Structure formats: C-alpha cells, structure tokens
Amino acid sequence: MSQLITSVSALWQRIPKAVLFGVAVLVQCLLLMLMVADRVQILREGVEVTLQTQPVDPRDLLRGDYVVLRYDISEVPAGALAGKPAEARNPIVFVKLAPNAEGLYTAVSAHAEPVPVTAREVLIRGRVSYSCGSNLRAFCDKLTIKYGLESYFVPEGEGGKLEQARNQQKLRIVAAVLPSGRAAIKRLLLDGAPVYEEPLY
C-alpha cells in the first residue's frame, strides 16, 4: 500500500503545474456550466406559479443590490407533520400549492415526502428553517420554510422601490417549479405588470 502511495505521489509531482492549473480551471468551468444548465431547466420546464410577497422586518435591510423576499407560503401550518420526528434540524419538506380565486398560489398542506398532486396543484420543495424539541428533532405546529426564492438581484438603485412595493404587498413573483419541487424566480410583477424577467442564460 505504501509503495502505491509513493508511486502515485511521484507521478503527481511529475505533472507540470500548468497542467494541474488547467485541469482545476476546467473542472470549475464544468461545475459552473452544470449550475447554469440546472437553472435553465427549471426556468424553461417548470410550471409557473404566482406568489404574493409579504412585508419584511425593516431591520432586514436591502443587502447590496438584491431584494429580500418573504411570501404567504413562507410560514405554513404543519398539519399532519406537527410533533412528528424530523430527520434533520432543518428538514426538507414538500408543500402542496393550489391557486386561489385571484390566481395566487397558496399552501394547501406540508409533507415530509413528495405526494401526488392534481392538475391544478404544484408541489414545491423547501427547507424548514428550524425544528422543535431539544433532544429529539420534531416538526413544530407552524413551519417557517425557505424555498430558495428569498432574494432577487436587481439593478443598482432599484432595490428601494421594490422593497417599498413589497412592504405594501404590491410585489408578486412568478416562480417556475419542476415536478421534483425545485423552484426558481422567473419574473417580478409590480401591481400585476412584469418589471423584471429572469434570462435563461
């Protein structure tokens, strides 16, 4: 075993540093391309759902050039999950959404695993930001959930206007959701009109 390690180490030392650097850059480029391709898949193939934003604590200020977002579905009743053991401190959950009379998607129920949905329903994947219990991890009666939709980058100087609209509940987002539950912000609506559209690339 030690001979093998010595041989591999010797071989490694003979590889020019320029080649190692090139391989490292290539791996990073491939990872970046995979991330972009994943997001493009969500935006292109995902079902569109419109979500109502909620006011955010004024202490949570605009950070750089992105707007902090919170939704009606950011806090949902645990329902049948309440008090049940959670697999992790911040467990993954699947929230079933359905459109209301205004066309806004609202939470129907929360589940620890994917569940079947009807044609009008969508299952969105999120992560509970905390769990109840000191020694045993368990689901609380009410779940605070993050879906990866909690911030949106905007042009410099535009954040204040959007945060004001968000706090007046005039800002909505359209998210694309895949059957797996993964979601991404597709566009922002201000008073019902599109103001920002997420490019595919």
N, C-alpha and C. Protein backbone atom coordinates (compact mmCIF):
# COMPACT_ATOMS: atom_id res chain seq x y z
N MET A 1 0.84 -1.21 0.00
CA MET A 1 0.00 0.00 0.00
C MET A 1 0.86 1.25 0.00
N SER A 2 1.92 1.23 0.84
CA SER A 2 2.80 2.39 0.93
C SER A 2 3.53 2.62 -0.39
N GLN A 3 3.87 1.50 -1.10
CA GLN A 3 4.52 1.63 -2.41
C GLN A 3 3.59 2.31 -3.42
N LEU A 4 2.32 1.92 -3.35
CA LEU A 4 1.33 2.52 -4.25
C LEU A 4 1.22 4.01 -4.00
N ILE A 5 1.14 4.39 -2.72
CA ILE A 5 1.06 5.81 -2.36
C ILE A 5 2.29 6.56 -2.83
N THR A 6 3.46 5.94 -2.66
CA THR A 6 4.71 6.57 -3.08
C THR A 6 4.72 6.75 -4.60
N SER A 7 4.25 5.71 -5.34
CA SER A 7 4.22 5.79 -6.80
C SER A 7 3.28 6.90 -7.28
N VAL A 8 2.08 6.96 -6.66
CA VAL A 8 1.11 7.99 -7.04
C VAL A 8 1.66 9.37 -6.74
N SER A 9 2.31 9.51 -5.58
CA SER A 9 2.89 10.80 -5.19
C SER A 9 3.98 11.22 -6.18
N ALA A 10 4.81 10.27 -6.59
CA ALA A 10 5.88 10.58 -7.54
C ALA A 10 5.30 10.98 -8.89
N LEU A 11 4.25 10.26 -9.31
CA LEU A 11 3.60 10.58 -10.58
C LEU A 11 2.97 11.98 -10.52
N TRP A 12 2.35 12.27 -9.41
CA TRP A 12 1.71 13.58 -9.20
C TRP A 12 2.72 14.72 -9.30
N GLN A 13 3.90 14.49 -8.71
CA GLN A 13 4.94 15.53 -8.72
C GLN A 13 5.52 15.75 -10.11
N ARG A 14 5.40 14.74 -10.98
CA ARG A 14 5.95 14.88 -12.34
C ARG A 14 5.01 15.64 -13.27
N ILE A 15 3.74 15.78 -12.87
CA ILE A 15 2.79 16.50 -13.72
C ILE A 15 3.09 17.99 -13.64
N PRO A 16 3.26 18.67 -14.76
CA PRO A 16 3.56 20.11 -14.73
C PRO A 16 2.44 20.90 -14.03
N LYS A 17 2.84 21.93 -13.30
CA LYS A 17 1.86 22.74 -12.56
C LYS A 17 0.87 23.42 -13.49
N ALA A 18 1.32 23.77 -14.68
CA ALA A 18 0.42 24.42 -15.65
C ALA A 18 -0.72 23.48 -16.03
N VAL A 19 -0.41 22.17 -16.16
CA VAL A 19 -1.44 21.19 -16.49
C VAL A 19 -2.43 21.06 -15.34
N LEU A 20 -1.93 21.00 -14.10
CA LEU A 20 -2.81 20.90 -12.93
C LEU A 20 -3.72 22.13 -12.82
N PHE A 21 -3.14 23.29 -13.10
CA PHE A 21 -3.93 24.53 -13.05
C PHE A 21 -5.03 24.50 -14.11
N GLY A 22 -4.65 24.04 -15.32
CA GLY A 22 -5.62 23.95 -16.40
C GLY A 22 -6.76 23.00 -16.07
N VAL A 23 -6.44 21.87 -15.46
CA VAL A 23 -7.47 20.90 -15.06
C VAL A 23 -8.39 21.51 -14.01
N ALA A 24 -7.81 22.23 -13.04
CA ALA A 24 -8.62 22.87 -11.99
C ALA A 24 -9.58 23.90 -12.59
N VAL A 25 -9.10 24.70 -13.54
CA VAL A 25 -9.94 25.70 -14.21
C VAL A 25 -11.06 25.01 -15.00
N LEU A 26 -10.71 23.92 -15.69
CA LEU A 26 -11.69 23.18 -16.48
C LEU A 26 -12.79 22.60 -15.59
N VAL A 27 -12.42 22.04 -14.44
CA VAL A 27 -13.41 21.47 -13.50
C VAL A 27 -14.35 22.57 -13.01
N GLN A 28 -13.78 23.74 -12.67
CA GLN A 28 -14.61 24.85 -12.20
C GLN A 28 -15.58 25.32 -13.29
N CYS A 29 -15.12 25.39 -14.52
CA CYS A 29 -15.98 25.79 -15.65
C CYS A 29 -17.11 24.79 -15.85
N LEU A 30 -16.79 23.49 -15.74
CA LEU A 30 -17.81 22.46 -15.90
C LEU A 30 -18.86 22.56 -14.80
N LEU A 31 -18.42 22.80 -13.57
CA LEU A 31 -19.37 22.95 -12.46
C LEU A 31 -20.28 24.15 -12.68
N LEU A 32 -19.71 25.25 -13.15
CA LEU A 32 -20.49 26.46 -13.42
C LEU A 32 -21.51 26.20 -14.53
N MET A 33 -21.09 25.49 -15.57
CA MET A 33 -21.99 25.17 -16.67
C MET A 33 -23.14 24.28 -16.20
N LEU A 34 -22.85 23.33 -15.30
CA LEU A 34 -23.90 22.46 -14.76
C LEU A 34 -24.90 23.26 -13.95
N MET A 35 -24.42 24.24 -13.17
CA MET A 35 -25.31 25.08 -12.38
C MET A 35 -26.23 25.90 -13.29
N VAL A 36 -25.65 26.48 -14.34
CA VAL A 36 -26.44 27.28 -15.29
C VAL A 36 -27.47 26.40 -15.98
N ALA A 37 -27.04 25.21 -16.42
CA ALA A 37 -27.95 24.29 -17.12
C ALA A 37 -29.09 23.87 -16.20
N ASP A 38 -28.81 23.66 -14.92
CA ASP A 38 -29.84 23.27 -13.97
C ASP A 38 -30.88 24.38 -13.83
N ARG A 39 -30.42 25.62 -13.72
CA ARG A 39 -31.34 26.75 -13.58
C ARG A 39 -32.16 26.95 -14.86
N VAL A 40 -31.52 26.79 -16.01
CA VAL A 40 -32.23 26.92 -17.29
C VAL A 40 -33.33 25.88 -17.38
N GLN A 41 -33.05 24.65 -16.92
CA GLN A 41 -34.06 23.60 -16.95
C GLN A 41 -35.28 23.99 -16.11
N ILE A 42 -35.03 24.54 -14.91
CA ILE A 42 -36.14 24.95 -14.04
C ILE A 42 -36.96 26.04 -14.72
N LEU A 43 -36.29 27.07 -15.25
CA LEU A 43 -37.00 28.20 -15.85
C LEU A 43 -37.74 27.80 -17.12
N ARG A 44 -37.18 26.88 -17.88
CA ARG A 44 -37.79 26.50 -19.16
C ARG A 44 -38.91 25.48 -18.99
N GLU A 45 -38.73 24.51 -18.08
CA GLU A 45 -39.66 23.39 -17.99
C GLU A 45 -40.61 23.48 -16.79
N GLY A 46 -40.31 24.37 -15.84
CA GLY A 46 -41.12 24.43 -14.62
C GLY A 46 -42.50 25.02 -14.84
N VAL A 47 -43.45 24.57 -14.03
CA VAL A 47 -44.80 25.13 -14.02
C VAL A 47 -44.75 26.50 -13.35
N GLU A 48 -45.40 27.50 -13.95
CA GLU A 48 -45.38 28.85 -13.39
C GLU A 48 -46.41 28.98 -12.27
N VAL A 49 -45.96 29.50 -11.13
CA VAL A 49 -46.86 29.79 -10.01
C VAL A 49 -46.62 31.23 -9.57
N THR A 50 -47.69 31.96 -9.30
CA THR A 50 -47.58 33.34 -8.84
C THR A 50 -47.74 33.37 -7.33
N LEU A 51 -46.79 34.02 -6.66
CA LEU A 51 -46.77 34.06 -5.20
C LEU A 51 -46.85 35.49 -4.71
N GLN A 52 -47.61 35.69 -3.64
CA GLN A 52 -47.73 37.00 -3.01
C GLN A 52 -46.57 37.20 -2.03
N THR A 53 -45.89 38.34 -2.13
CA THR A 53 -44.83 38.64 -1.16
C THR A 53 -45.45 39.26 0.09
N GLN A 54 -44.70 39.21 1.18
CA GLN A 54 -45.12 39.76 2.46
C GLN A 54 -44.11 40.80 2.93
N PRO A 55 -44.53 41.75 3.76
CA PRO A 55 -43.57 42.72 4.32
C PRO A 55 -42.46 42.00 5.09
N VAL A 56 -41.29 42.61 5.07
CA VAL A 56 -40.13 42.08 5.79
C VAL A 56 -39.76 43.04 6.89
N ASP A 57 -39.32 42.51 8.01
CA ASP A 57 -38.89 43.33 9.14
C ASP A 57 -37.97 44.44 8.64
N PRO A 58 -38.24 45.71 8.99
CA PRO A 58 -37.40 46.81 8.50
C PRO A 58 -35.94 46.71 8.91
N ARG A 59 -35.65 45.89 9.92
CA ARG A 59 -34.25 45.71 10.31
C ARG A 59 -33.49 44.88 9.28
N ASP A 60 -34.24 44.11 8.46
CA ASP A 60 -33.63 43.28 7.43
C ASP A 60 -33.50 44.13 6.17
N LEU A 61 -32.47 44.95 6.12
CA LEU A 61 -32.32 45.96 5.07
C LEU A 61 -31.89 45.35 3.75
N LEU A 62 -32.01 46.15 2.70
CA LEU A 62 -31.52 45.76 1.38
C LEU A 62 -30.04 45.45 1.49
N ARG A 63 -29.65 44.29 1.03
CA ARG A 63 -28.24 43.88 1.13
C ARG A 63 -27.63 43.93 -0.27
N GLY A 64 -26.79 44.91 -0.49
CA GLY A 64 -26.19 45.05 -1.81
C GLY A 64 -27.25 45.41 -2.81
N ASP A 65 -27.30 44.73 -3.92
CA ASP A 65 -28.27 45.01 -4.97
C ASP A 65 -29.26 43.86 -5.11
N TYR A 66 -29.75 43.36 -4.00
CA TYR A 66 -30.83 42.38 -4.09
C TYR A 66 -31.89 42.64 -3.03
N VAL A 67 -33.10 42.22 -3.38
CA VAL A 67 -34.25 42.44 -2.51
C VAL A 67 -34.51 41.17 -1.71
N VAL A 68 -34.73 41.33 -0.43
CA VAL A 68 -35.09 40.20 0.44
C VAL A 68 -36.58 39.95 0.29
N LEU A 69 -36.97 38.70 0.06
CA LEU A 69 -38.36 38.35 -0.22
C LEU A 69 -38.90 37.35 0.80
N ARG A 70 -40.15 37.57 1.14
CA ARG A 70 -40.88 36.66 2.03
C ARG A 70 -42.28 36.50 1.43
N TYR A 71 -42.89 35.33 1.67
CA TYR A 71 -44.15 35.01 0.99
C TYR A 71 -45.23 34.55 1.96
N ASP A 72 -46.46 34.51 1.44
CA ASP A 72 -47.54 33.89 2.20
C ASP A 72 -47.18 32.45 2.56
N ILE A 73 -46.47 31.77 1.65
CA ILE A 73 -46.13 30.36 1.88
C ILE A 73 -44.84 30.18 2.67
N SER A 74 -44.25 31.28 3.17
CA SER A 74 -43.03 31.16 3.97
C SER A 74 -43.32 30.58 5.35
N GLU A 75 -44.57 30.67 5.78
CA GLU A 75 -44.96 30.11 7.07
C GLU A 75 -46.27 29.36 6.86
N VAL A 76 -46.24 28.05 7.09
CA VAL A 76 -47.43 27.23 6.85
C VAL A 76 -47.70 26.32 8.03
N PRO A 77 -48.96 25.98 8.27
CA PRO A 77 -49.28 25.02 9.33
C PRO A 77 -48.66 23.66 9.02
N ALA A 78 -48.15 22.99 10.06
CA ALA A 78 -47.52 21.68 9.84
C ALA A 78 -48.55 20.61 9.55
N GLY A 79 -49.79 20.81 9.99
CA GLY A 79 -50.83 19.81 9.75
C GLY A 79 -50.46 18.46 10.35
N ALA A 80 -50.50 17.42 9.53
CA ALA A 80 -50.22 16.07 10.00
C ALA A 80 -48.77 15.88 10.43
N LEU A 81 -47.87 16.79 10.03
CA LEU A 81 -46.45 16.68 10.41
C LEU A 81 -46.19 17.14 11.85
N ALA A 82 -47.08 17.94 12.41
CA ALA A 82 -46.85 18.55 13.73
C ALA A 82 -46.50 17.49 14.78
N GLY A 83 -45.37 17.73 15.45
CA GLY A 83 -44.93 16.85 16.52
C GLY A 83 -44.22 15.60 16.06
N LYS A 84 -44.26 15.29 14.77
CA LYS A 84 -43.59 14.09 14.28
C LYS A 84 -42.07 14.30 14.23
N PRO A 85 -41.30 13.22 14.37
CA PRO A 85 -39.83 13.37 14.32
C PRO A 85 -39.38 13.90 12.96
N ALA A 86 -38.38 14.77 12.99
CA ALA A 86 -37.77 15.30 11.77
C ALA A 86 -36.41 14.65 11.59
N GLU A 87 -36.04 14.37 10.34
CA GLU A 87 -34.79 13.66 10.09
C GLU A 87 -33.56 14.53 10.34
N ALA A 88 -33.74 15.82 10.29
CA ALA A 88 -32.62 16.73 10.48
C ALA A 88 -33.10 17.99 11.19
N ARG A 89 -32.15 18.82 11.62
CA ARG A 89 -32.52 20.07 12.29
C ARG A 89 -33.27 20.99 11.33
N ASN A 90 -32.87 21.01 10.08
CA ASN A 90 -33.55 21.80 9.05
C ASN A 90 -34.05 20.86 7.96
N PRO A 91 -35.13 20.13 8.24
CA PRO A 91 -35.57 19.09 7.30
C PRO A 91 -36.16 19.66 6.01
N ILE A 92 -36.05 18.88 4.96
CA ILE A 92 -36.67 19.21 3.68
C ILE A 92 -38.15 18.82 3.76
N VAL A 93 -39.01 19.69 3.25
CA VAL A 93 -40.44 19.40 3.19
C VAL A 93 -40.96 19.73 1.79
N PHE A 94 -42.12 19.19 1.48
CA PHE A 94 -42.78 19.45 0.21
C PHE A 94 -44.13 20.07 0.53
N VAL A 95 -44.36 21.26 0.00
CA VAL A 95 -45.61 21.98 0.26
C VAL A 95 -46.48 21.93 -0.99
N LYS A 96 -47.70 21.46 -0.79
CA LYS A 96 -48.65 21.40 -1.89
C LYS A 96 -49.29 22.78 -2.04
N LEU A 97 -49.24 23.33 -3.26
CA LEU A 97 -49.81 24.64 -3.55
C LEU A 97 -50.98 24.50 -4.51
N ALA A 98 -51.93 25.41 -4.37
CA ALA A 98 -53.06 25.45 -5.30
C ALA A 98 -53.46 26.90 -5.50
N PRO A 99 -53.94 27.25 -6.71
CA PRO A 99 -54.33 28.64 -6.97
C PRO A 99 -55.65 29.00 -6.29
N ASN A 100 -55.72 30.23 -5.78
CA ASN A 100 -56.99 30.72 -5.21
C ASN A 100 -57.78 31.45 -6.30
N ALA A 101 -58.85 32.13 -5.91
CA ALA A 101 -59.72 32.81 -6.88
C ALA A 101 -58.97 33.89 -7.66
N GLU A 102 -57.93 34.49 -7.06
CA GLU A 102 -57.15 35.54 -7.73
C GLU A 102 -56.03 34.97 -8.59
N GLY A 103 -55.86 33.67 -8.58
CA GLY A 103 -54.79 33.06 -9.35
C GLY A 103 -53.47 32.98 -8.59
N LEU A 104 -53.48 33.39 -7.31
CA LEU A 104 -52.27 33.30 -6.48
C LEU A 104 -52.20 31.91 -5.86
N TYR A 105 -50.99 31.35 -5.84
CA TYR A 105 -50.82 30.02 -5.27
C TYR A 105 -50.63 30.13 -3.76
N THR A 106 -51.40 29.34 -3.03
CA THR A 106 -51.32 29.33 -1.57
C THR A 106 -51.09 27.90 -1.10
N ALA A 107 -50.60 27.77 0.15
CA ALA A 107 -50.27 26.46 0.69
C ALA A 107 -51.53 25.69 1.04
N VAL A 108 -51.56 24.42 0.67
CA VAL A 108 -52.66 23.51 1.00
C VAL A 108 -52.25 22.60 2.15
N SER A 109 -51.04 22.03 2.05
CA SER A 109 -50.57 21.10 3.08
C SER A 109 -49.06 20.95 2.96
N ALA A 110 -48.43 20.46 4.05
CA ALA A 110 -46.98 20.23 4.08
C ALA A 110 -46.72 18.74 4.30
N HIS A 111 -45.68 18.23 3.65
CA HIS A 111 -45.39 16.79 3.69
C HIS A 111 -43.89 16.56 3.79
N ALA A 112 -43.51 15.46 4.44
CA ALA A 112 -42.09 15.12 4.56
C ALA A 112 -41.55 14.47 3.29
N GLU A 113 -42.44 13.93 2.47
CA GLU A 113 -42.07 13.26 1.22
C GLU A 113 -42.96 13.79 0.09
N PRO A 114 -42.55 13.62 -1.17
CA PRO A 114 -43.42 14.03 -2.28
C PRO A 114 -44.74 13.27 -2.24
N VAL A 115 -45.82 13.96 -2.59
CA VAL A 115 -47.16 13.35 -2.62
C VAL A 115 -47.79 13.66 -3.98
N PRO A 116 -48.78 12.88 -4.38
CA PRO A 116 -49.45 13.14 -5.67
C PRO A 116 -50.18 14.49 -5.64
N VAL A 117 -50.27 15.13 -6.80
CA VAL A 117 -50.99 16.40 -6.92
C VAL A 117 -51.96 16.31 -8.10
N THR A 118 -52.99 17.14 -8.06
CA THR A 118 -53.95 17.20 -9.16
C THR A 118 -53.39 18.13 -10.24
N ALA A 119 -54.14 18.27 -11.33
CA ALA A 119 -53.67 19.09 -12.46
C ALA A 119 -53.44 20.54 -12.07
N ARG A 120 -54.23 21.09 -11.16
CA ARG A 120 -54.10 22.50 -10.77
C ARG A 120 -53.10 22.71 -9.64
N GLU A 121 -52.69 21.64 -8.98
CA GLU A 121 -51.79 21.76 -7.84
C GLU A 121 -50.33 21.63 -8.25
N VAL A 122 -49.45 22.15 -7.40
CA VAL A 122 -48.00 22.08 -7.61
C VAL A 122 -47.35 21.71 -6.28
N LEU A 123 -46.30 20.93 -6.35
CA LEU A 123 -45.55 20.57 -5.15
C LEU A 123 -44.22 21.31 -5.19
N ILE A 124 -43.97 22.14 -4.18
CA ILE A 124 -42.72 22.91 -4.12
C ILE A 124 -41.88 22.42 -2.95
N ARG A 125 -40.59 22.35 -3.19
CA ARG A 125 -39.65 21.81 -2.19
C ARG A 125 -39.03 22.94 -1.40
N GLY A 126 -38.96 22.79 -0.10
CA GLY A 126 -38.34 23.81 0.74
C GLY A 126 -37.63 23.18 1.91
N ARG A 127 -36.99 24.03 2.68
CA ARG A 127 -36.28 23.55 3.87
C ARG A 127 -36.77 24.32 5.08
N VAL A 128 -37.17 23.60 6.12
CA VAL A 128 -37.65 24.23 7.35
C VAL A 128 -36.46 24.91 8.03
N SER A 129 -36.65 26.17 8.44
CA SER A 129 -35.52 26.93 8.99
C SER A 129 -35.21 26.56 10.44
N TYR A 130 -36.08 25.81 11.09
CA TYR A 130 -35.79 25.31 12.45
C TYR A 130 -36.73 24.15 12.73
N SER A 131 -36.42 23.38 13.78
CA SER A 131 -37.33 22.32 14.21
C SER A 131 -37.49 22.41 15.72
N CYS A 132 -38.57 21.85 16.22
CA CYS A 132 -38.88 21.93 17.64
C CYS A 132 -38.24 20.76 18.39
N GLY A 133 -38.13 20.92 19.70
CA GLY A 133 -37.58 19.85 20.53
C GLY A 133 -36.14 20.09 20.86
N SER A 134 -35.75 19.74 22.07
CA SER A 134 -34.37 19.97 22.50
C SER A 134 -33.50 18.77 22.14
N ASN A 135 -33.90 17.58 22.58
CA ASN A 135 -33.11 16.38 22.27
C ASN A 135 -33.60 15.71 20.99
N LEU A 136 -34.92 15.59 20.87
CA LEU A 136 -35.49 14.97 19.67
C LEU A 136 -35.90 16.05 18.68
N ARG A 137 -35.48 15.91 17.44
CA ARG A 137 -35.90 16.86 16.41
C ARG A 137 -37.31 16.53 15.98
N ALA A 138 -38.17 17.52 15.99
CA ALA A 138 -39.57 17.30 15.62
C ALA A 138 -40.11 18.51 14.88
N PHE A 139 -41.16 18.29 14.11
CA PHE A 139 -41.80 19.39 13.38
C PHE A 139 -42.65 20.22 14.33
N CYS A 140 -42.55 21.53 14.23
CA CYS A 140 -43.36 22.44 15.03
C CYS A 140 -44.79 22.47 14.47
N ASP A 141 -45.69 23.12 15.20
CA ASP A 141 -47.07 23.27 14.73
C ASP A 141 -47.14 24.16 13.49
N LYS A 142 -46.23 25.13 13.44
CA LYS A 142 -46.16 26.03 12.29
C LYS A 142 -44.73 25.97 11.74
N LEU A 143 -44.60 25.84 10.45
CA LEU A 143 -43.29 25.67 9.81
C LEU A 143 -42.88 26.94 9.10
N THR A 144 -41.67 27.41 9.39
CA THR A 144 -41.07 28.51 8.63
C THR A 144 -40.16 27.88 7.58
N ILE A 145 -40.44 28.14 6.31
CA ILE A 145 -39.80 27.41 5.23
C ILE A 145 -39.12 28.35 4.25
N LYS A 146 -37.94 27.95 3.79
CA LYS A 146 -37.23 28.68 2.72
C LYS A 146 -37.19 27.80 1.49
N TYR A 147 -37.48 28.42 0.35
CA TYR A 147 -37.60 27.69 -0.92
C TYR A 147 -36.48 28.01 -1.91
N GLY A 148 -35.52 28.83 -1.50
CA GLY A 148 -34.50 29.29 -2.44
C GLY A 148 -35.01 30.43 -3.29
N LEU A 149 -36.12 31.06 -2.87
CA LEU A 149 -36.72 32.18 -3.60
C LEU A 149 -36.68 33.45 -2.76
N GLU A 150 -35.81 33.48 -1.76
CA GLU A 150 -35.87 34.55 -0.76
C GLU A 150 -35.04 35.79 -1.09
N SER A 151 -34.41 35.82 -2.24
CA SER A 151 -33.69 37.04 -2.64
C SER A 151 -33.67 37.13 -4.16
N TYR A 152 -33.60 38.39 -4.64
CA TYR A 152 -33.58 38.60 -6.08
C TYR A 152 -32.67 39.78 -6.39
N PHE A 153 -31.69 39.55 -7.25
CA PHE A 153 -30.75 40.60 -7.61
C PHE A 153 -31.41 41.58 -8.58
N VAL A 154 -31.19 42.87 -8.35
CA VAL A 154 -31.81 43.92 -9.16
C VAL A 154 -30.74 44.93 -9.57
N PRO A 155 -31.02 45.74 -10.60
CA PRO A 155 -30.07 46.79 -10.97
C PRO A 155 -29.82 47.75 -9.80
N GLU A 156 -28.63 48.31 -9.78
CA GLU A 156 -28.25 49.22 -8.69
C GLU A 156 -29.25 50.38 -8.59
N GLY A 157 -29.69 50.65 -7.39
CA GLY A 157 -30.61 51.75 -7.14
C GLY A 157 -32.07 51.39 -7.26
N GLU A 158 -32.39 50.17 -7.71
CA GLU A 158 -33.78 49.76 -7.91
C GLU A 158 -34.37 49.07 -6.67
N GLY A 159 -33.50 48.64 -5.77
CA GLY A 159 -33.95 47.84 -4.64
C GLY A 159 -34.93 48.55 -3.72
N GLY A 160 -34.69 49.83 -3.45
CA GLY A 160 -35.54 50.57 -2.53
C GLY A 160 -36.99 50.62 -2.99
N LYS A 161 -37.18 50.86 -4.30
CA LYS A 161 -38.53 50.94 -4.87
C LYS A 161 -39.24 49.60 -4.74
N LEU A 162 -38.51 48.52 -5.00
CA LEU A 162 -39.12 47.19 -4.94
C LEU A 162 -39.41 46.78 -3.50
N GLU A 163 -38.52 47.15 -2.58
CA GLU A 163 -38.77 46.81 -1.18
C GLU A 163 -39.98 47.57 -0.65
N GLN A 164 -40.15 48.81 -1.10
CA GLN A 164 -41.32 49.59 -0.70
C GLN A 164 -42.60 48.93 -1.24
N ALA A 165 -42.55 48.50 -2.50
CA ALA A 165 -43.70 47.82 -3.11
C ALA A 165 -43.97 46.50 -2.39
N ARG A 166 -42.91 45.79 -2.03
CA ARG A 166 -43.07 44.53 -1.29
C ARG A 166 -43.78 44.77 0.04
N ASN A 167 -43.36 45.81 0.76
CA ASN A 167 -43.95 46.08 2.07
C ASN A 167 -45.39 46.59 1.96
N GLN A 168 -45.77 47.08 0.77
CA GLN A 168 -47.16 47.49 0.52
C GLN A 168 -47.96 46.35 -0.13
N GLN A 169 -47.31 45.19 -0.23
CA GLN A 169 -47.91 43.99 -0.84
C GLN A 169 -48.35 44.21 -2.29
N LYS A 170 -47.59 45.05 -2.99
CA LYS A 170 -47.84 45.28 -4.42
C LYS A 170 -46.90 44.46 -5.30
N LEU A 171 -45.97 43.74 -4.66
CA LEU A 171 -44.97 42.97 -5.40
C LEU A 171 -45.31 41.49 -5.33
N ARG A 172 -45.35 40.85 -6.49
CA ARG A 172 -45.55 39.41 -6.58
C ARG A 172 -44.44 38.82 -7.42
N ILE A 173 -44.20 37.55 -7.24
CA ILE A 173 -43.21 36.90 -8.09
C ILE A 173 -43.86 35.72 -8.79
N VAL A 174 -43.35 35.43 -9.98
CA VAL A 174 -43.73 34.23 -10.70
C VAL A 174 -42.55 33.28 -10.62
N ALA A 175 -42.77 32.11 -10.03
CA ALA A 175 -41.71 31.12 -9.90
C ALA A 175 -41.99 29.96 -10.85
N ALA A 176 -40.92 29.34 -11.33
CA ALA A 176 -41.04 28.12 -12.12
C ALA A 176 -40.73 26.95 -11.20
N VAL A 177 -41.59 25.94 -11.20
CA VAL A 177 -41.43 24.80 -10.30
C VAL A 177 -41.43 23.50 -11.10
N LEU A 178 -40.37 22.71 -10.93
CA LEU A 178 -40.29 21.41 -11.60
C LEU A 178 -41.08 20.36 -10.84
N PRO A 179 -41.42 19.23 -11.47
CA PRO A 179 -42.11 18.15 -10.76
C PRO A 179 -41.34 17.67 -9.52
N SER A 180 -40.02 17.83 -9.51
CA SER A 180 -39.21 17.43 -8.34
C SER A 180 -39.40 18.38 -7.17
N GLY A 181 -40.02 19.55 -7.43
CA GLY A 181 -40.24 20.53 -6.37
C GLY A 181 -39.23 21.66 -6.38
N ARG A 182 -38.15 21.53 -7.15
CA ARG A 182 -37.16 22.61 -7.21
C ARG A 182 -37.76 23.81 -7.93
N ALA A 183 -37.43 25.01 -7.43
CA ALA A 183 -38.05 26.23 -7.96
C ALA A 183 -37.03 27.32 -8.16
N ALA A 184 -37.37 28.27 -9.03
CA ALA A 184 -36.53 29.45 -9.27
C ALA A 184 -37.45 30.61 -9.65
N ILE A 185 -37.03 31.82 -9.31
CA ILE A 185 -37.79 33.01 -9.67
C ILE A 185 -37.67 33.25 -11.17
N LYS A 186 -38.82 33.43 -11.82
CA LYS A 186 -38.83 33.64 -13.28
C LYS A 186 -39.04 35.12 -13.62
N ARG A 187 -39.95 35.78 -12.90
CA ARG A 187 -40.17 37.21 -13.13
C ARG A 187 -40.77 37.86 -11.89
N LEU A 188 -40.64 39.20 -11.83
CA LEU A 188 -41.24 40.00 -10.77
C LEU A 188 -42.39 40.80 -11.35
N LEU A 189 -43.48 40.88 -10.61
CA LEU A 189 -44.66 41.64 -11.02
C LEU A 189 -44.88 42.78 -10.04
N LEU A 190 -45.00 43.99 -10.56
CA LEU A 190 -45.30 45.16 -9.75
C LEU A 190 -46.68 45.65 -10.15
N ASP A 191 -47.61 45.62 -9.20
CA ASP A 191 -49.02 45.94 -9.50
C ASP A 191 -49.54 45.11 -10.67
N GLY A 192 -49.11 43.86 -10.73
CA GLY A 192 -49.60 42.93 -11.76
C GLY A 192 -48.85 42.97 -13.08
N ALA A 193 -47.97 43.97 -13.26
CA ALA A 193 -47.24 44.10 -14.53
C ALA A 193 -45.79 43.62 -14.35
N PRO A 194 -45.26 42.87 -15.33
CA PRO A 194 -43.88 42.40 -15.23
C PRO A 194 -42.89 43.57 -15.20
N VAL A 195 -41.94 43.51 -14.28
CA VAL A 195 -40.89 44.54 -14.20
C VAL A 195 -39.51 43.97 -14.42
N TYR A 196 -39.31 42.72 -14.04
CA TYR A 196 -38.02 42.03 -14.27
C TYR A 196 -38.29 40.62 -14.72
N GLU A 197 -37.58 40.20 -15.76
CA GLU A 197 -37.69 38.84 -16.29
C GLU A 197 -36.33 38.18 -16.18
N GLU A 198 -36.29 36.99 -15.61
CA GLU A 198 -35.02 36.29 -15.45
C GLU A 198 -34.60 35.70 -16.78
N PRO A 199 -33.41 36.07 -17.31
CA PRO A 199 -32.97 35.50 -18.59
C PRO A 199 -32.60 34.03 -18.41
N LEU A 200 -32.72 33.26 -19.48
CA LEU A 200 -32.37 31.85 -19.39
C LEU A 200 -30.87 31.66 -19.20
N TYR A 201 -30.07 32.57 -19.80
CA TYR A 201 -28.62 32.43 -19.68
C TYR A 201 -28.03 33.70 -19.10
